[in-house]
Amino acid sequence: MANGIATLQTLTDTAIDSVIGYEKAAESATSAGLSQTLRQCATERREVVNNLNNEISRLGGDTREDGTFSGSVHRVWTDITTAFGDKNESTMERVEEGEDYIKAKFETALEDNELEPQSRQIVQQCYSQVCEGERMSDRLAAQFD
C-alpha cells in the first residue's frame, strides 16, 4: 500500500496484541500491585493503537481492530506457562518477551523508507512509548525474578 499504510497496520496489529497481552497478564498476576501496573500499561498501549489508527485513517487506510495470529499463539503460550510455577514471575517473563518483540517491530518500521514524514513522526512517538513499556517490563521482570 502507498504511504506506508501496510507498515502502520502491521504496527497497529502488534500494538493490539500488546494491549490484549497486558490485559491477560494483569488477570494472571497474583500481586495486586503488579496487576494494577499491567492494566495501566494496557491503557497506555491503547493510546499507541489509537494514534496509529488515526494516522492510518488520515492516509485513507482501513483502521485495525484485531491483533495477529502470532499474538493469539503467544497468549496461549502465556496461559500454559503461567499455569506452572510462580505466576508473577512467568507472567512477567511473557510480558518481557512481548515487549522485546514489539520494540523490534517499531525499530524495523522506522527503517522503512515508505513512511511519509508525518507518519514517521507518529511512529517515532509511538516507539518512544513502546520503549518506556519495554524498560518497565525489564524492571518488573527483575523484581519478580
N, C-alpha and C. Protein backbone atom coordinates (compact mmCIF):
# COMPACT_ATOMS: atom_id res chain seq x y z
N MET A 1 0.84 -1.18 0.00
CA MET A 1 0.00 0.00 0.00
C MET A 1 0.88 1.24 0.00
N ALA A 2 0.37 2.28 -0.56
CA ALA A 2 1.12 3.53 -0.66
C ALA A 2 1.20 4.21 0.71
N ASN A 3 2.21 5.07 0.85
CA ASN A 3 2.38 5.92 2.02
C ASN A 3 2.67 5.16 3.31
N GLY A 4 3.02 3.89 3.23
CA GLY A 4 3.36 3.14 4.42
C GLY A 4 2.16 2.65 5.22
N ILE A 5 0.97 2.64 4.62
CA ILE A 5 -0.22 2.19 5.35
C ILE A 5 -0.04 0.76 5.84
N ALA A 6 0.52 -0.11 5.01
CA ALA A 6 0.70 -1.51 5.43
C ALA A 6 1.61 -1.59 6.65
N THR A 7 2.65 -0.79 6.69
CA THR A 7 3.55 -0.77 7.84
C THR A 7 2.79 -0.31 9.08
N LEU A 8 2.02 0.75 8.94
CA LEU A 8 1.23 1.26 10.07
C LEU A 8 0.22 0.24 10.55
N GLN A 9 -0.40 -0.48 9.62
CA GLN A 9 -1.38 -1.51 10.00
C GLN A 9 -0.71 -2.65 10.75
N THR A 10 0.47 -3.05 10.30
CA THR A 10 1.21 -4.11 10.99
C THR A 10 1.56 -3.68 12.40
N LEU A 11 2.03 -2.45 12.56
CA LEU A 11 2.35 -1.95 13.89
C LEU A 11 1.11 -1.89 14.77
N THR A 12 0.00 -1.50 14.19
CA THR A 12 -1.25 -1.41 14.95
C THR A 12 -1.69 -2.79 15.40
N ASP A 13 -1.62 -3.77 14.51
CA ASP A 13 -1.96 -5.14 14.88
C ASP A 13 -1.10 -5.62 16.05
N THR A 14 0.18 -5.32 15.98
CA THR A 14 1.11 -5.73 17.03
C THR A 14 0.81 -5.00 18.33
N ALA A 15 0.47 -3.72 18.25
CA ALA A 15 0.11 -2.96 19.45
C ALA A 15 -1.19 -3.48 20.07
N ILE A 16 -2.13 -3.90 19.24
CA ILE A 16 -3.37 -4.51 19.75
C ILE A 16 -3.02 -5.80 20.49
N ASP A 17 -2.14 -6.60 19.91
CA ASP A 17 -1.68 -7.82 20.60
C ASP A 17 -1.11 -7.46 21.97
N SER A 18 -0.37 -6.37 22.01
CA SER A 18 0.26 -5.94 23.26
C SER A 18 -0.79 -5.56 24.30
N VAL A 19 -1.82 -4.82 23.88
CA VAL A 19 -2.91 -4.44 24.80
C VAL A 19 -3.54 -5.70 25.37
N ILE A 20 -3.89 -6.63 24.50
CA ILE A 20 -4.54 -7.87 24.94
C ILE A 20 -3.60 -8.65 25.86
N GLY A 21 -2.32 -8.68 25.50
CA GLY A 21 -1.33 -9.38 26.32
C GLY A 21 -1.22 -8.78 27.71
N TYR A 22 -1.18 -7.45 27.79
CA TYR A 22 -1.13 -6.79 29.10
C TYR A 22 -2.38 -7.10 29.91
N GLU A 23 -3.55 -7.09 29.26
CA GLU A 23 -4.79 -7.38 29.97
C GLU A 23 -4.79 -8.81 30.51
N LYS A 24 -4.35 -9.76 29.69
CA LYS A 24 -4.27 -11.16 30.15
C LYS A 24 -3.24 -11.32 31.26
N ALA A 25 -2.13 -10.63 31.13
CA ALA A 25 -1.09 -10.70 32.16
C ALA A 25 -1.62 -10.14 33.48
N ALA A 26 -2.39 -9.05 33.41
CA ALA A 26 -2.98 -8.46 34.62
C ALA A 26 -3.91 -9.46 35.31
N GLU A 27 -4.64 -10.24 34.50
CA GLU A 27 -5.53 -11.26 35.06
C GLU A 27 -4.74 -12.40 35.70
N SER A 28 -3.58 -12.72 35.14
CA SER A 28 -2.76 -13.83 35.64
C SER A 28 -1.97 -13.48 36.88
N ALA A 29 -1.64 -12.22 37.04
CA ALA A 29 -0.79 -11.80 38.15
C ALA A 29 -1.51 -12.03 39.49
N THR A 30 -0.78 -12.52 40.46
CA THR A 30 -1.35 -12.72 41.79
C THR A 30 -1.08 -11.52 42.69
N SER A 31 -0.15 -10.68 42.31
CA SER A 31 0.15 -9.46 43.05
C SER A 31 -0.80 -8.35 42.59
N ALA A 32 -1.52 -7.76 43.56
CA ALA A 32 -2.46 -6.69 43.21
C ALA A 32 -1.73 -5.50 42.59
N GLY A 33 -0.55 -5.17 43.10
CA GLY A 33 0.21 -4.05 42.55
C GLY A 33 0.66 -4.32 41.13
N LEU A 34 1.13 -5.54 40.88
CA LEU A 34 1.55 -5.90 39.52
C LEU A 34 0.36 -5.87 38.57
N SER A 35 -0.76 -6.40 39.01
CA SER A 35 -1.96 -6.41 38.18
C SER A 35 -2.38 -4.99 37.82
N GLN A 36 -2.35 -4.09 38.79
CA GLN A 36 -2.71 -2.70 38.54
C GLN A 36 -1.74 -2.04 37.55
N THR A 37 -0.45 -2.31 37.72
CA THR A 37 0.56 -1.76 36.82
C THR A 37 0.34 -2.26 35.40
N LEU A 38 0.05 -3.54 35.26
CA LEU A 38 -0.16 -4.12 33.93
C LEU A 38 -1.42 -3.56 33.27
N ARG A 39 -2.45 -3.30 34.04
CA ARG A 39 -3.66 -2.68 33.48
C ARG A 39 -3.36 -1.25 33.00
N GLN A 40 -2.54 -0.55 33.75
CA GLN A 40 -2.14 0.80 33.34
C GLN A 40 -1.33 0.73 32.03
N CYS A 41 -0.47 -0.27 31.93
CA CYS A 41 0.31 -0.45 30.69
C CYS A 41 -0.61 -0.72 29.51
N ALA A 42 -1.67 -1.50 29.73
CA ALA A 42 -2.64 -1.78 28.66
C ALA A 42 -3.31 -0.48 28.21
N THR A 43 -3.66 0.37 29.16
CA THR A 43 -4.29 1.65 28.84
C THR A 43 -3.34 2.52 28.02
N GLU A 44 -2.07 2.57 28.44
CA GLU A 44 -1.08 3.36 27.71
C GLU A 44 -0.85 2.81 26.31
N ARG A 45 -0.86 1.50 26.18
CA ARG A 45 -0.64 0.89 24.87
C ARG A 45 -1.84 1.13 23.96
N ARG A 46 -3.04 1.25 24.54
CA ARG A 46 -4.22 1.60 23.75
C ARG A 46 -4.04 2.96 23.09
N GLU A 47 -3.33 3.87 23.76
CA GLU A 47 -3.04 5.18 23.18
C GLU A 47 -2.20 5.01 21.91
N VAL A 48 -1.25 4.09 21.93
CA VAL A 48 -0.44 3.80 20.75
C VAL A 48 -1.34 3.32 19.62
N VAL A 49 -2.24 2.38 19.93
CA VAL A 49 -3.18 1.86 18.93
C VAL A 49 -4.00 3.01 18.35
N ASN A 50 -4.53 3.85 19.20
CA ASN A 50 -5.36 4.97 18.73
C ASN A 50 -4.56 5.92 17.84
N ASN A 51 -3.34 6.25 18.24
CA ASN A 51 -2.50 7.15 17.44
C ASN A 51 -2.20 6.55 16.07
N LEU A 52 -1.88 5.28 16.05
CA LEU A 52 -1.59 4.62 14.77
C LEU A 52 -2.84 4.54 13.90
N ASN A 53 -3.97 4.18 14.50
CA ASN A 53 -5.22 4.11 13.74
C ASN A 53 -5.62 5.48 13.20
N ASN A 54 -5.38 6.53 13.97
CA ASN A 54 -5.68 7.88 13.47
C ASN A 54 -4.85 8.21 12.24
N GLU A 55 -3.58 7.80 12.25
CA GLU A 55 -2.71 8.06 11.10
C GLU A 55 -3.13 7.21 9.90
N ILE A 56 -3.50 5.97 10.14
CA ILE A 56 -4.00 5.11 9.05
C ILE A 56 -5.23 5.75 8.42
N SER A 57 -6.13 6.22 9.25
CA SER A 57 -7.36 6.86 8.77
C SER A 57 -7.03 8.12 7.96
N ARG A 58 -6.10 8.93 8.46
CA ARG A 58 -5.70 10.15 7.75
C ARG A 58 -5.19 9.82 6.36
N LEU A 59 -4.50 8.70 6.22
CA LEU A 59 -3.94 8.29 4.93
C LEU A 59 -4.96 7.59 4.05
N GLY A 60 -6.16 7.34 4.59
CA GLY A 60 -7.20 6.70 3.79
C GLY A 60 -7.22 5.20 3.89
N GLY A 61 -6.53 4.64 4.85
CA GLY A 61 -6.50 3.19 5.01
C GLY A 61 -7.57 2.70 5.98
N ASP A 62 -7.67 1.39 6.06
CA ASP A 62 -8.62 0.75 6.97
C ASP A 62 -7.97 0.59 8.34
N THR A 63 -8.62 1.14 9.36
CA THR A 63 -8.09 1.02 10.71
C THR A 63 -8.19 -0.42 11.19
N ARG A 64 -7.45 -0.72 12.24
CA ARG A 64 -7.34 -2.08 12.73
C ARG A 64 -8.06 -2.24 14.06
N GLU A 65 -8.69 -3.39 14.23
CA GLU A 65 -9.43 -3.69 15.46
C GLU A 65 -8.92 -4.96 16.14
N ASP A 66 -8.36 -5.87 15.38
CA ASP A 66 -7.95 -7.17 15.90
C ASP A 66 -6.43 -7.28 15.88
N GLY A 67 -5.92 -8.17 16.67
CA GLY A 67 -4.49 -8.42 16.68
C GLY A 67 -4.11 -9.43 15.61
N THR A 68 -3.00 -10.09 15.83
CA THR A 68 -2.47 -11.04 14.85
C THR A 68 -2.62 -12.47 15.34
N PHE A 69 -2.46 -13.40 14.43
CA PHE A 69 -2.48 -14.82 14.79
C PHE A 69 -1.33 -15.15 15.72
N SER A 70 -0.14 -14.62 15.43
CA SER A 70 1.01 -14.92 16.29
C SER A 70 0.80 -14.37 17.69
N GLY A 71 0.07 -13.25 17.81
CA GLY A 71 -0.25 -12.72 19.12
C GLY A 71 -1.16 -13.65 19.90
N SER A 72 -2.12 -14.25 19.21
CA SER A 72 -3.01 -15.19 19.90
C SER A 72 -2.26 -16.45 20.30
N VAL A 73 -1.31 -16.87 19.49
CA VAL A 73 -0.47 -18.03 19.85
C VAL A 73 0.36 -17.70 21.09
N HIS A 74 0.92 -16.49 21.14
CA HIS A 74 1.72 -16.08 22.29
C HIS A 74 0.86 -16.07 23.56
N ARG A 75 -0.41 -15.64 23.44
CA ARG A 75 -1.29 -15.62 24.60
C ARG A 75 -1.59 -17.04 25.08
N VAL A 76 -1.76 -17.99 24.17
CA VAL A 76 -1.96 -19.39 24.57
C VAL A 76 -0.71 -19.89 25.29
N TRP A 77 0.46 -19.58 24.75
CA TRP A 77 1.72 -19.96 25.39
C TRP A 77 1.81 -19.35 26.79
N THR A 78 1.39 -18.11 26.92
CA THR A 78 1.38 -17.44 28.22
C THR A 78 0.47 -18.18 29.19
N ASP A 79 -0.72 -18.58 28.72
CA ASP A 79 -1.65 -19.32 29.58
C ASP A 79 -1.02 -20.62 30.07
N ILE A 80 -0.33 -21.31 29.18
CA ILE A 80 0.29 -22.59 29.55
C ILE A 80 1.42 -22.36 30.54
N THR A 81 2.29 -21.42 30.26
CA THR A 81 3.46 -21.24 31.11
C THR A 81 3.13 -20.62 32.46
N THR A 82 2.07 -19.82 32.53
CA THR A 82 1.72 -19.25 33.83
C THR A 82 0.95 -20.23 34.70
N ALA A 83 0.54 -21.34 34.12
CA ALA A 83 -0.16 -22.37 34.91
C ALA A 83 0.81 -23.10 35.85
N PHE A 84 2.09 -22.99 35.59
CA PHE A 84 3.09 -23.69 36.39
C PHE A 84 4.01 -22.68 37.05
N GLY A 85 4.43 -22.96 38.25
CA GLY A 85 5.40 -22.11 38.93
C GLY A 85 4.80 -20.80 39.42
N ASP A 86 5.66 -19.85 39.67
CA ASP A 86 5.27 -18.55 40.19
C ASP A 86 4.57 -17.75 39.08
N LYS A 87 3.30 -17.46 39.30
CA LYS A 87 2.52 -16.77 38.26
C LYS A 87 3.07 -15.39 37.94
N ASN A 88 3.50 -14.65 38.97
CA ASN A 88 4.03 -13.31 38.71
C ASN A 88 5.30 -13.37 37.88
N GLU A 89 6.19 -14.29 38.24
CA GLU A 89 7.45 -14.41 37.50
C GLU A 89 7.21 -14.83 36.06
N SER A 90 6.41 -15.87 35.85
CA SER A 90 6.18 -16.34 34.47
C SER A 90 5.37 -15.33 33.67
N THR A 91 4.45 -14.63 34.33
CA THR A 91 3.71 -13.57 33.64
C THR A 91 4.65 -12.50 33.14
N MET A 92 5.56 -12.06 34.01
CA MET A 92 6.49 -11.00 33.61
C MET A 92 7.48 -11.47 32.56
N GLU A 93 7.85 -12.73 32.58
CA GLU A 93 8.73 -13.25 31.51
C GLU A 93 8.03 -13.14 30.16
N ARG A 94 6.74 -13.50 30.10
CA ARG A 94 5.99 -13.42 28.84
C ARG A 94 5.80 -11.96 28.42
N VAL A 95 5.51 -11.07 29.39
CA VAL A 95 5.36 -9.65 29.06
C VAL A 95 6.67 -9.12 28.49
N GLU A 96 7.76 -9.48 29.12
CA GLU A 96 9.08 -9.02 28.66
C GLU A 96 9.36 -9.49 27.24
N GLU A 97 9.02 -10.74 26.94
CA GLU A 97 9.19 -11.26 25.57
C GLU A 97 8.36 -10.44 24.58
N GLY A 98 7.11 -10.17 24.96
CA GLY A 98 6.23 -9.39 24.08
C GLY A 98 6.76 -7.98 23.85
N GLU A 99 7.30 -7.37 24.90
CA GLU A 99 7.83 -6.02 24.77
C GLU A 99 9.07 -5.99 23.88
N ASP A 100 9.92 -6.98 24.00
CA ASP A 100 11.09 -7.07 23.12
C ASP A 100 10.65 -7.19 21.67
N TYR A 101 9.60 -7.99 21.44
CA TYR A 101 9.09 -8.21 20.09
C TYR A 101 8.53 -6.92 19.49
N ILE A 102 7.68 -6.21 20.25
CA ILE A 102 7.05 -5.00 19.70
C ILE A 102 8.10 -3.91 19.48
N LYS A 103 9.08 -3.82 20.35
CA LYS A 103 10.13 -2.82 20.18
C LYS A 103 10.88 -3.07 18.86
N ALA A 104 11.19 -4.33 18.59
CA ALA A 104 11.89 -4.68 17.35
C ALA A 104 11.03 -4.36 16.12
N LYS A 105 9.71 -4.57 16.21
CA LYS A 105 8.82 -4.25 15.09
C LYS A 105 8.85 -2.75 14.78
N PHE A 106 8.85 -1.93 15.84
CA PHE A 106 8.89 -0.49 15.63
C PHE A 106 10.24 -0.05 15.08
N GLU A 107 11.31 -0.67 15.54
CA GLU A 107 12.63 -0.33 15.01
C GLU A 107 12.71 -0.63 13.52
N THR A 108 12.18 -1.77 13.12
CA THR A 108 12.16 -2.14 11.71
C THR A 108 11.33 -1.14 10.91
N ALA A 109 10.19 -0.74 11.46
CA ALA A 109 9.31 0.20 10.76
C ALA A 109 10.00 1.55 10.57
N LEU A 110 10.78 1.96 11.54
CA LEU A 110 11.45 3.26 11.43
C LEU A 110 12.56 3.23 10.37
N GLU A 111 12.97 2.04 9.97
CA GLU A 111 13.94 1.91 8.89
C GLU A 111 13.25 1.91 7.52
N ASP A 112 11.91 1.83 7.52
CA ASP A 112 11.10 1.75 6.31
C ASP A 112 11.09 3.11 5.61
N ASN A 113 11.50 3.12 4.36
CA ASN A 113 11.52 4.37 3.59
C ASN A 113 10.17 4.74 3.00
N GLU A 114 9.16 3.86 3.19
CA GLU A 114 7.83 4.15 2.65
C GLU A 114 7.05 5.13 3.51
N LEU A 115 7.45 5.30 4.76
CA LEU A 115 6.70 6.18 5.65
C LEU A 115 6.90 7.64 5.24
N GLU A 116 5.79 8.34 5.11
CA GLU A 116 5.91 9.77 4.84
C GLU A 116 6.27 10.48 6.15
N PRO A 117 6.75 11.70 6.07
CA PRO A 117 7.27 12.39 7.27
C PRO A 117 6.31 12.42 8.46
N GLN A 118 5.04 12.74 8.23
CA GLN A 118 4.10 12.80 9.35
C GLN A 118 3.89 11.42 9.96
N SER A 119 3.83 10.39 9.12
CA SER A 119 3.68 9.03 9.62
C SER A 119 4.91 8.61 10.41
N ARG A 120 6.07 8.95 9.90
CA ARG A 120 7.32 8.62 10.60
C ARG A 120 7.34 9.27 11.99
N GLN A 121 6.86 10.52 12.07
CA GLN A 121 6.82 11.21 13.35
C GLN A 121 5.88 10.49 14.32
N ILE A 122 4.73 10.05 13.84
CA ILE A 122 3.78 9.31 14.69
C ILE A 122 4.42 8.01 15.16
N VAL A 123 5.04 7.29 14.24
CA VAL A 123 5.69 6.02 14.59
C VAL A 123 6.80 6.27 15.61
N GLN A 124 7.56 7.34 15.44
CA GLN A 124 8.63 7.67 16.39
C GLN A 124 8.06 7.95 17.77
N GLN A 125 6.97 8.70 17.84
CA GLN A 125 6.33 8.97 19.12
C GLN A 125 5.83 7.68 19.77
N CYS A 126 5.21 6.84 18.98
CA CYS A 126 4.71 5.56 19.50
C CYS A 126 5.87 4.68 19.94
N TYR A 127 6.96 4.71 19.18
CA TYR A 127 8.15 3.94 19.54
C TYR A 127 8.69 4.38 20.90
N SER A 128 8.67 5.67 21.16
CA SER A 128 9.13 6.16 22.47
C SER A 128 8.28 5.58 23.58
N GLN A 129 6.96 5.52 23.38
CA GLN A 129 6.07 4.92 24.37
C GLN A 129 6.35 3.42 24.52
N VAL A 130 6.59 2.75 23.41
CA VAL A 130 6.91 1.33 23.44
C VAL A 130 8.20 1.11 24.22
N CYS A 131 9.20 1.95 24.00
CA CYS A 131 10.47 1.81 24.72
C CYS A 131 10.28 1.98 26.22
N GLU A 132 9.42 2.90 26.62
CA GLU A 132 9.11 3.07 28.04
C GLU A 132 8.49 1.80 28.60
N GLY A 133 7.57 1.21 27.87
CA GLY A 133 6.94 -0.05 28.28
C GLY A 133 7.95 -1.18 28.37
N GLU A 134 8.87 -1.20 27.41
CA GLU A 134 9.89 -2.26 27.42
C GLU A 134 10.82 -2.11 28.62
N ARG A 135 11.21 -0.88 28.94
CA ARG A 135 12.06 -0.65 30.11
C ARG A 135 11.33 -1.02 31.40
N MET A 136 10.04 -0.67 31.48
CA MET A 136 9.25 -1.00 32.65
C MET A 136 9.13 -2.51 32.80
N SER A 137 8.93 -3.22 31.71
CA SER A 137 8.80 -4.68 31.79
C SER A 137 10.11 -5.31 32.24
N ASP A 138 11.23 -4.74 31.82
CA ASP A 138 12.53 -5.24 32.29
C ASP A 138 12.66 -5.07 33.80
N ARG A 139 12.26 -3.90 34.31
CA ARG A 139 12.34 -3.65 35.75
C ARG A 139 11.42 -4.59 36.52
N LEU A 140 10.19 -4.77 36.03
CA LEU A 140 9.26 -5.65 36.72
C LEU A 140 9.70 -7.11 36.66
N ALA A 141 10.23 -7.52 35.51
CA ALA A 141 10.72 -8.89 35.39
C ALA A 141 11.84 -9.14 36.39
N ALA A 142 12.74 -8.17 36.55
CA ALA A 142 13.83 -8.32 37.52
C ALA A 142 13.29 -8.37 38.94
N GLN A 143 12.26 -7.63 39.21
CA GLN A 143 11.64 -7.60 40.53
C GLN A 143 11.02 -8.95 40.90
N PHE A 144 10.43 -9.62 39.92
CA PHE A 144 9.74 -10.88 40.19
C PHE A 144 10.58 -12.10 39.81
N ASP A 145 11.84 -11.88 39.45
CA ASP A 145 12.73 -12.98 39.06
C ASP A 145 13.29 -13.69 40.27
